[in-house]
Amino acid sequence: MKQIVDQLKAEIEVWTVNADAQLNKGNKAAGARARKSALAISKLMKDFRKVSVEATK
C-alpha cells in the first residue's frame, strides 16, 4: 500500500506542475500531460481503494 501512496504523491505532483503550466501560461502540451496524469491518478486511486479494503478485513 505504501508503494501506491508514493506513486500517487508523485503523480499528483506531476499533475500540479502541468495543470499550473496550462492555466498560467496557456501551455497546451502541459494540458495534455495533466490529463494523462489525471487518468493515472484515477487508476491509482482505484488500486488504493482495493488494497485499503483488503487491509481492513
C-alpha atoms as a PDB file:
ATOM      1  CA  MET A   1       0.000   0.000   0.000  1.00  0.00           C
ATOM      2  CA  LYS A   2       2.908   2.361   0.718  1.00  0.00           C
ATOM      3  CA  GLN A   3       4.096   1.956  -2.861  1.00  0.00           C
ATOM      4  CA  ILE A   4       0.695   3.032  -4.202  1.00  0.00           C
ATOM      5  CA  VAL A   5       0.658   6.068  -1.903  1.00  0.00           C
ATOM      6  CA  ASP A   6       4.150   7.058  -3.054  1.00  0.00           C
ATOM      7  CA  GLN A   7       3.112   6.686  -6.690  1.00  0.00           C
ATOM      8  CA  LEU A   8       0.022   8.804  -6.028  1.00  0.00           C
ATOM      9  CA  LYS A   9       2.094  11.554  -4.433  1.00  0.00           C
ATOM     10  CA  ALA A  10       4.476  11.615  -7.391  1.00  0.00           C
ATOM     11  CA  GLU A  11       1.662  11.615  -9.956  1.00  0.00           C
ATOM     12  CA  ILE A  12      -0.212  14.388  -8.126  1.00  0.00           C
ATOM     13  CA  GLU A  13       2.973  16.475  -8.201  1.00  0.00           C
ATOM     14  CA  VAL A  14       3.278  15.923 -11.971  1.00  0.00           C
ATOM     15  CA  TRP A  15      -0.383  16.846 -12.418  1.00  0.00           C
ATOM     16  CA  THR A  16       0.007  20.016 -10.321  1.00  0.00           C
ATOM     17  CA  VAL A  17       3.000  21.244 -12.312  1.00  0.00           C
ATOM     18  CA  ASN A  18       1.354  20.595 -15.664  1.00  0.00           C
ATOM     19  CA  ALA A  19      -2.068  21.945 -14.690  1.00  0.00           C
ATOM     20  CA  ASP A  20      -0.442  25.155 -13.448  1.00  0.00           C
ATOM     21  CA  ALA A  21       1.541  25.473 -16.682  1.00  0.00           C
ATOM     22  CA  GLN A  22      -1.641  25.144 -18.709  1.00  0.00           C
ATOM     23  CA  LEU A  23      -3.618  27.592 -16.583  1.00  0.00           C
ATOM     24  CA  ASN A  24      -0.967  30.239 -16.068  1.00  0.00           C
ATOM     25  CA  LYS A  25       0.993  30.037 -19.309  1.00  0.00           C
ATOM     26  CA  GLY A  26      -1.551  28.607 -21.757  1.00  0.00           C
ATOM     27  CA  ASN A  27       0.755  25.670 -22.487  1.00  0.00           C
ATOM     28  CA  LYS A  28      -1.375  23.212 -24.492  1.00  0.00           C
ATOM     29  CA  ALA A  29       1.132  20.354 -24.232  1.00  0.00           C
ATOM     30  CA  ALA A  30       1.089  20.710 -20.448  1.00  0.00           C
ATOM     31  CA  GLY A  31      -2.682  20.328 -20.581  1.00  0.00           C
ATOM     32  CA  ALA A  32      -2.321  17.008 -22.374  1.00  0.00           C
ATOM     33  CA  ARG A  33       0.219  15.857 -19.791  1.00  0.00           C
ATOM     34  CA  ALA A  34      -2.102  16.958 -16.973  1.00  0.00           C
ATOM     35  CA  ARG A  35      -4.982  14.961 -18.461  1.00  0.00           C
ATOM     36  CA  LYS A  36      -2.736  11.911 -18.774  1.00  0.00           C
ATOM     37  CA  SER A  37      -1.702  12.311 -15.130  1.00  0.00           C
ATOM     38  CA  ALA A  38      -5.345  12.651 -14.097  1.00  0.00           C
ATOM     39  CA  LEU A  39      -6.102   9.290 -15.690  1.00  0.00           C
ATOM     40  CA  ALA A  40      -3.125   7.715 -13.943  1.00  0.00           C
ATOM     41  CA  ILE A  41      -4.264   9.212 -10.620  1.00  0.00           C
ATOM     42  CA  SER A  42      -7.734   7.780 -11.159  1.00  0.00           C
ATOM     43  CA  LYS A  43      -6.318   4.300 -11.751  1.00  0.00           C
ATOM     44  CA  LEU A  44      -4.027   4.538  -8.731  1.00  0.00           C
ATOM     45  CA  MET A  45      -6.934   5.653  -6.545  1.00  0.00           C
ATOM     46  CA  LYS A  46      -8.910   2.586  -7.599  1.00  0.00           C
ATOM     47  CA  ASP A  47      -5.922   0.379  -6.795  1.00  0.00           C
ATOM     48  CA  PHE A  48      -5.529   2.104  -3.429  1.00  0.00           C
ATOM     49  CA  ARG A  49      -9.184   1.531  -2.626  1.00  0.00           C
ATOM     50  CA  LYS A  50      -8.880  -2.194  -3.379  1.00  0.00           C
ATOM     51  CA  VAL A  51      -5.784  -2.566  -1.219  1.00  0.00           C
ATOM     52  CA  SER A  52      -7.270  -0.451   1.559  1.00  0.00           C
ATOM     53  CA  VAL A  53     -10.463  -2.503   1.686  1.00  0.00           C
ATOM     54  CA  GLU A  54      -8.452  -5.729   1.806  1.00  0.00           C
ATOM     55  CA  ALA A  55      -6.278  -4.369   4.610  1.00  0.00           C
ATOM     56  CA  THR A  56      -9.296  -3.597   6.787  1.00  0.00           C
ATOM     57  CA  LYS A  57     -10.748  -7.102   6.511  1.00  0.00           C
END
